[in-house]
Amino acid sequence: MSAEDAYKLHEAQTSFEQDNMNAQRAYEYFLELNRHHFYLSVVREYEAFNDRVLVTEKKFGPMATRMNGQYEYALDHLK
């Protein structure tokens, strides 16, 4: 991982931690984690996010689909 990649991941993580109820920030964080093969972290973070705020299409619109896609991607690559 390059320094620039590490910076992007850190920024996504910090943004998500500061507003952990924000679907956009959660998606961006999950995306960065998946890019760097941190699949187990995506699964853990998604499930914790889903426990805090039930991820539904009605509540988050297309962002719910995107987050679910990142979660499914991580699950597929854990196998």
C-alpha atoms as a PDB file:
ATOM      1  CA  MET A   1       0.000   0.000   0.000  1.00  0.00           C
ATOM      2  CA  SER A   2       1.410   3.347  -0.988  1.00  0.00           C
ATOM      3  CA  ALA A   3       1.492   6.366   1.278  1.00  0.00           C
ATOM      4  CA  GLU A   4      -1.268   7.971  -0.788  1.00  0.00           C
ATOM      5  CA  ASP A   5      -3.449   4.865  -0.425  1.00  0.00           C
ATOM      6  CA  ALA A   6      -2.836   4.797   3.317  1.00  0.00           C
ATOM      7  CA  TYR A   7      -3.803   8.474   3.517  1.00  0.00           C
ATOM      8  CA  LYS A   8      -7.060   7.868   1.609  1.00  0.00           C
ATOM      9  CA  LEU A   9      -7.935   4.940   3.860  1.00  0.00           C
ATOM     10  CA  HIS A  10      -7.150   6.982   6.970  1.00  0.00           C
ATOM     11  CA  GLU A  11      -9.292   9.879   5.741  1.00  0.00           C
ATOM     12  CA  ALA A  12     -12.222   7.560   4.975  1.00  0.00           C
ATOM     13  CA  GLN A  13     -11.883   5.922   8.386  1.00  0.00           C
ATOM     14  CA  THR A  14     -11.684   9.245  10.221  1.00  0.00           C
ATOM     15  CA  SER A  15     -14.711  10.636   8.366  1.00  0.00           C
ATOM     16  CA  PHE A  16     -16.721   7.513   9.172  1.00  0.00           C
ATOM     17  CA  GLU A  17     -15.709   7.533  12.829  1.00  0.00           C
ATOM     18  CA  GLN A  18     -16.721  11.180  13.191  1.00  0.00           C
ATOM     19  CA  ASP A  19     -20.165  10.503  11.695  1.00  0.00           C
ATOM     20  CA  ASN A  20     -20.788   6.776  11.979  1.00  0.00           C
ATOM     21  CA  MET A  21     -24.500   7.103  11.153  1.00  0.00           C
ATOM     22  CA  ASN A  22     -23.802   8.591   7.691  1.00  0.00           C
ATOM     23  CA  ALA A  23     -24.417   6.112   4.866  1.00  0.00           C
ATOM     24  CA  GLN A  24     -22.227   7.961   2.346  1.00  0.00           C
ATOM     25  CA  ARG A  25     -19.235   7.943   4.690  1.00  0.00           C
ATOM     26  CA  ALA A  26     -19.835   4.296   5.562  1.00  0.00           C
ATOM     27  CA  TYR A  27     -19.894   3.377   1.868  1.00  0.00           C
ATOM     28  CA  GLU A  28     -16.677   5.299   1.156  1.00  0.00           C
ATOM     29  CA  TYR A  29     -14.962   3.588   4.093  1.00  0.00           C
ATOM     30  CA  PHE A  30     -16.141   0.113   3.015  1.00  0.00           C
ATOM     31  CA  LEU A  31     -14.975   0.810  -0.525  1.00  0.00           C
ATOM     32  CA  GLU A  32     -11.476   1.782   0.635  1.00  0.00           C
ATOM     33  CA  LEU A  33     -11.268  -1.254   2.910  1.00  0.00           C
ATOM     34  CA  ASN A  34     -12.235  -3.561   0.037  1.00  0.00           C
ATOM     35  CA  ARG A  35      -9.669  -1.931  -2.276  1.00  0.00           C
ATOM     36  CA  HIS A  36      -6.963  -2.963   0.168  1.00  0.00           C
ATOM     37  CA  HIS A  37      -8.335  -6.451   0.805  1.00  0.00           C
ATOM     38  CA  PHE A  38      -9.529  -5.782   4.365  1.00  0.00           C
ATOM     39  CA  TYR A  39     -12.606  -7.902   3.757  1.00  0.00           C
ATOM     40  CA  LEU A  40     -13.134  -9.014   7.345  1.00  0.00           C
ATOM     41  CA  SER A  41     -13.094  -5.378   8.461  1.00  0.00           C
ATOM     42  CA  VAL A  42     -15.793  -4.555   5.906  1.00  0.00           C
ATOM     43  CA  VAL A  43     -17.963  -7.380   7.220  1.00  0.00           C
ATOM     44  CA  ARG A  44     -17.499  -6.316  10.848  1.00  0.00           C
ATOM     45  CA  GLU A  45     -18.048  -2.614  10.165  1.00  0.00           C
ATOM     46  CA  TYR A  46     -21.082  -3.219   7.947  1.00  0.00           C
ATOM     47  CA  GLU A  47     -22.713  -5.482  10.517  1.00  0.00           C
ATOM     48  CA  ALA A  48     -22.044  -2.959  13.298  1.00  0.00           C
ATOM     49  CA  PHE A  49     -23.445  -0.163  11.087  1.00  0.00           C
ATOM     50  CA  ASN A  50     -26.492  -2.288  10.294  1.00  0.00           C
ATOM     51  CA  ASP A  51     -27.042  -2.892  14.025  1.00  0.00           C
ATOM     52  CA  ARG A  52     -26.924   0.858  14.726  1.00  0.00           C
ATOM     53  CA  VAL A  53     -28.984   1.924  11.729  1.00  0.00           C
ATOM     54  CA  LEU A  54     -30.933  -0.724   9.857  1.00  0.00           C
ATOM     55  CA  VAL A  55     -29.764  -0.499   6.244  1.00  0.00           C
ATOM     56  CA  THR A  56     -32.877  -0.409   4.066  1.00  0.00           C
ATOM     57  CA  GLU A  57     -33.584   0.842   0.571  1.00  0.00           C
ATOM     58  CA  LYS A  58     -36.401   2.983   1.935  1.00  0.00           C
ATOM     59  CA  LYS A  59     -34.147   4.743   4.430  1.00  0.00           C
ATOM     60  CA  PHE A  60     -30.941   5.149   2.386  1.00  0.00           C
ATOM     61  CA  GLY A  61     -32.108   4.771  -1.212  1.00  0.00           C
ATOM     62  CA  PRO A  62     -29.388   3.776  -3.689  1.00  0.00           C
ATOM     63  CA  MET A  63     -26.714   4.093  -0.992  1.00  0.00           C
ATOM     64  CA  ALA A  64     -28.185   0.996   0.687  1.00  0.00           C
ATOM     65  CA  THR A  65     -27.620  -0.961  -2.517  1.00  0.00           C
ATOM     66  CA  ARG A  66     -24.045   0.292  -2.767  1.00  0.00           C
ATOM     67  CA  MET A  67     -23.259  -0.596   0.849  1.00  0.00           C
ATOM     68  CA  ASN A  68     -24.826  -4.022   0.448  1.00  0.00           C
ATOM     69  CA  GLY A  69     -22.727  -4.508  -2.678  1.00  0.00           C
ATOM     70  CA  GLN A  70     -19.515  -3.760  -0.767  1.00  0.00           C
ATOM     71  CA  TYR A  71     -20.607  -6.125   1.998  1.00  0.00           C
ATOM     72  CA  GLU A  72     -21.410  -8.930  -0.460  1.00  0.00           C
ATOM     73  CA  TYR A  73     -18.105  -8.357  -2.261  1.00  0.00           C
ATOM     74  CA  ALA A  74     -16.220  -8.709   1.012  1.00  0.00           C
ATOM     75  CA  LEU A  75     -18.131 -11.881   1.909  1.00  0.00           C
ATOM     76  CA  ASP A  76     -17.423 -13.408  -1.497  1.00  0.00           C
ATOM     77  CA  HIS A  77     -13.712 -12.747  -1.161  1.00  0.00           C
ATOM     78  CA  LEU A  78     -13.473 -14.161   2.364  1.00  0.00           C
ATOM     79  CA  LYS A  79     -14.317 -17.638   1.060  1.00  0.00           C
END
